[in-house]
Amino acid sequence: MKLLTRNEELEPMQLNLGEKPDKYLHHTTVYYDHLKYGDITPFIKLINSLKNNGDINNSRCSCTINFRKYPKEDGKKEFDYDLIRNWVQKLYERIPHFFYYLTEIDTLEPTRNIFLSMASIQFYQVNGQKVENIVFFEEETRQIALDIYKTTIAYEKKIHGANSRELKETLERVLRPFL
């Protein structure tokens, strides 16, 4: 079976991040076909492209993952969908340090939603309607958060020989409620 993929090559968007005015934001678009077939190649291609271009040292906190054209339901967030949860979990199995690359530019929500796609969660139901409060299975989720933190920090240390304040602060903002 041949996978139908729709890879969009977006030009990197130049950001002005204070001390790093030449940092770029790299986008990965994940479409329904990727989700349906568990195809993580869009993000793998982005990471390989950064490595092959010698840009791996500047790739920390510079990538986004955008989920597009999947069947959406009112009131659901990205982490509510099994297709997205399965895709993110598969990515984590392949690249356990992928949070090294993710940014929180504009808003923390997309990166936190990616983490929540890995968390052990359940929702309260009231009269058959989902309520916004999420119950986390604390022990399982805390272990996932710790594993993400440790593997990401270890990967950065391997690449740079030290850990940056930027990455630690990003991880702590994403994972703080769960550690």
Protein backbone atom coordinates (compact mmCIF):
# COMPACT_ATOMS: atom_id res chain seq x y z
CA MET A 1 0.00 0.00 0.00
CA LYS A 2 1.38 3.38 -0.99
CA LEU A 3 1.00 6.15 1.55
CA LEU A 4 -0.41 9.38 0.27
CA THR A 5 1.51 12.23 1.82
CA ARG A 6 1.12 15.93 1.39
CA ASN A 7 4.36 17.46 2.56
CA GLU A 8 4.41 21.21 2.43
CA GLU A 9 7.80 22.79 2.37
CA LEU A 10 7.41 25.99 4.34
CA GLU A 11 10.15 28.53 4.34
CA PRO A 12 11.62 28.91 7.82
CA MET A 13 10.27 31.99 9.55
CA GLN A 14 12.94 34.25 10.98
CA LEU A 15 12.38 35.16 14.59
CA ASN A 16 13.74 37.91 16.74
CA LEU A 17 14.41 36.23 20.09
CA GLY A 18 16.61 38.84 21.71
CA GLU A 19 20.11 37.41 21.92
CA LYS A 20 19.49 35.07 18.94
CA PRO A 21 18.14 37.25 16.12
CA ASP A 22 19.10 34.69 13.48
CA LYS A 23 17.10 31.80 14.96
CA TYR A 24 14.56 30.20 12.64
CA LEU A 25 11.26 28.52 13.31
CA HIS A 26 10.85 25.26 11.40
CA HIS A 27 7.34 23.95 10.73
CA THR A 28 6.23 20.34 10.34
CA THR A 29 2.75 19.81 8.96
CA VAL A 30 1.13 16.48 9.82
CA TYR A 31 -1.98 15.63 7.80
CA TYR A 32 -4.74 13.09 8.37
CA ASP A 33 -3.00 10.50 6.15
CA HIS A 34 0.10 10.72 8.36
CA LEU A 35 -2.01 10.28 11.48
CA LYS A 36 -4.11 7.48 10.04
CA TYR A 37 -1.09 5.40 8.99
CA GLY A 38 1.20 6.40 11.88
CA ASP A 39 3.58 8.05 9.42
CA ILE A 40 6.07 10.11 11.43
CA THR A 41 8.30 10.86 8.47
CA PRO A 42 7.42 14.60 8.27
CA PHE A 43 9.14 15.26 11.61
CA ILE A 44 11.93 12.74 10.91
CA LYS A 45 12.61 14.51 7.59
CA LEU A 46 12.77 17.87 9.35
CA ILE A 47 15.25 16.60 11.95
CA ASN A 48 17.36 14.87 9.28
CA SER A 49 17.33 18.05 7.22
CA LEU A 50 18.59 20.05 10.21
CA LYS A 51 21.33 17.47 10.85
CA ASN A 52 22.37 17.29 7.18
CA ASN A 53 22.53 21.08 6.89
CA GLY A 54 24.74 21.30 9.97
CA ASP A 55 21.96 23.19 11.74
CA ILE A 56 21.42 20.70 14.58
CA ASN A 57 23.24 22.95 17.06
CA ASN A 58 20.80 25.80 16.33
CA SER A 59 17.68 23.64 16.27
CA ARG A 60 16.96 23.64 20.02
CA CYS A 61 13.45 25.00 20.70
CA SER A 62 12.96 25.92 17.03
CA CYS A 63 10.36 23.49 15.61
CA THR A 64 6.59 23.28 15.57
CA ILE A 65 4.28 20.38 14.76
CA ASN A 66 0.98 21.37 13.18
CA PHE A 67 -1.82 18.82 12.80
CA ARG A 68 -4.05 19.56 9.81
CA LYS A 69 -7.09 18.24 7.97
CA TYR A 70 -8.11 15.54 10.41
CA PRO A 71 -11.79 15.04 11.31
CA LYS A 72 -12.46 17.45 14.19
CA GLU A 73 -15.29 17.49 16.68
CA ASP A 74 -16.54 20.52 18.59
CA GLY A 75 -14.94 20.97 21.98
CA LYS A 76 -12.14 18.47 21.46
CA LYS A 77 -8.51 19.44 21.82
CA GLU A 78 -5.69 17.80 19.89
CA PHE A 79 -4.80 15.47 22.76
CA ASP A 80 -8.39 14.13 22.77
CA TYR A 81 -7.92 12.36 19.45
CA ASP A 82 -6.57 8.82 19.45
CA LEU A 83 -5.03 9.40 15.99
CA ILE A 84 -2.90 12.26 17.35
CA ARG A 85 -2.14 10.47 20.63
CA ASN A 86 -0.93 7.38 18.72
CA TRP A 87 1.15 9.48 16.31
CA VAL A 88 2.85 11.43 19.12
CA GLN A 89 3.51 8.25 21.09
CA LYS A 90 5.06 6.64 18.01
CA LEU A 91 7.26 9.71 17.52
CA TYR A 92 8.35 9.49 21.16
CA GLU A 93 9.25 5.81 20.75
CA ARG A 94 11.43 6.70 17.76
CA ILE A 95 12.89 10.00 19.07
CA PRO A 96 12.50 10.15 22.87
CA HIS A 97 14.28 13.52 22.98
CA PHE A 98 12.01 15.21 20.39
CA PHE A 99 10.97 17.86 22.94
CA TYR A 100 14.51 19.24 22.46
CA TYR A 101 13.32 20.61 19.12
CA LEU A 102 9.87 21.93 20.08
CA THR A 103 9.25 25.60 20.68
CA GLU A 104 6.61 27.46 22.62
CA ILE A 105 6.68 30.50 20.35
CA ASP A 106 3.41 32.47 20.48
CA THR A 107 1.78 30.13 23.00
CA LEU A 108 2.58 27.20 25.21
CA GLU A 109 -0.58 25.33 24.20
CA PRO A 110 0.66 23.41 21.11
CA THR A 111 3.71 22.00 22.92
CA ARG A 112 1.67 21.20 26.03
CA ASN A 113 -0.98 19.47 23.86
CA ILE A 114 1.76 17.30 22.38
CA PHE A 115 2.83 16.32 25.90
CA LEU A 116 -0.80 15.70 26.90
CA SER A 117 -1.05 13.33 23.94
CA MET A 118 1.41 11.15 25.82
CA ALA A 119 -0.05 11.58 29.30
CA SER A 120 -2.33 9.12 31.01
CA ILE A 121 -5.57 11.05 31.29
CA GLN A 122 -9.28 10.67 31.71
CA PHE A 123 -12.09 13.19 31.62
CA TYR A 124 -14.91 13.87 34.02
CA GLN A 125 -18.36 13.27 32.58
CA VAL A 126 -21.40 15.18 33.80
CA ASN A 127 -24.75 14.25 32.25
CA GLY A 128 -22.90 12.67 29.35
CA GLN A 129 -20.92 15.85 28.62
CA LYS A 130 -17.19 16.11 29.02
CA VAL A 131 -16.15 18.67 31.61
CA GLU A 132 -12.98 20.71 31.14
CA ASN A 133 -11.29 19.29 34.26
CA ILE A 134 -8.85 16.55 33.36
CA VAL A 135 -7.86 13.85 35.81
CA PHE A 136 -4.27 12.77 35.41
CA PHE A 137 -3.14 9.37 36.52
CA GLU A 138 -0.42 11.03 38.51
CA GLU A 139 2.14 8.26 38.83
CA GLU A 140 2.09 7.28 35.15
CA THR A 141 2.04 10.87 33.93
CA ARG A 142 4.74 12.00 36.35
CA GLN A 143 7.00 9.20 35.10
CA ILE A 144 6.40 10.18 31.46
CA ALA A 145 7.18 13.83 32.30
CA LEU A 146 10.38 12.85 34.13
CA ASP A 147 11.45 10.61 31.24
CA ILE A 148 10.86 13.40 28.73
CA TYR A 149 12.81 15.87 30.87
CA LYS A 150 15.75 13.49 31.43
CA THR A 151 16.08 12.26 27.84
CA THR A 152 15.77 15.79 26.41
CA ILE A 153 18.35 17.27 28.80
CA ALA A 154 20.71 14.32 28.19
CA TYR A 155 20.39 14.78 24.41
CA GLU A 156 21.17 18.47 24.70
CA LYS A 157 24.20 17.74 26.84
CA LYS A 158 25.38 15.25 24.20
CA ILE A 159 24.99 17.85 21.41
CA HIS A 160 26.24 20.95 23.24
CA GLY A 161 28.27 19.57 26.15
CA ALA A 162 26.11 21.57 28.56
CA ASN A 163 22.49 22.45 29.17
CA SER A 164 20.89 25.75 28.24
CA ARG A 165 18.62 27.83 30.40
CA GLU A 166 16.28 28.24 27.40
CA LEU A 167 15.58 24.52 27.05
CA LYS A 168 15.22 23.95 30.81
CA GLU A 169 12.78 26.84 31.10
CA THR A 170 10.72 25.60 28.13
CA LEU A 171 10.55 22.07 29.52
CA GLU A 172 9.66 23.29 32.97
CA ARG A 173 6.80 25.44 31.64
CA VAL A 174 5.44 22.53 29.60
CA LEU A 175 5.92 19.86 32.25
CA ARG A 176 5.67 21.80 35.56
CA PRO A 177 2.10 20.81 36.39
CA PHE A 178 3.00 17.15 35.92
CA LEU A 179 6.34 16.85 37.73
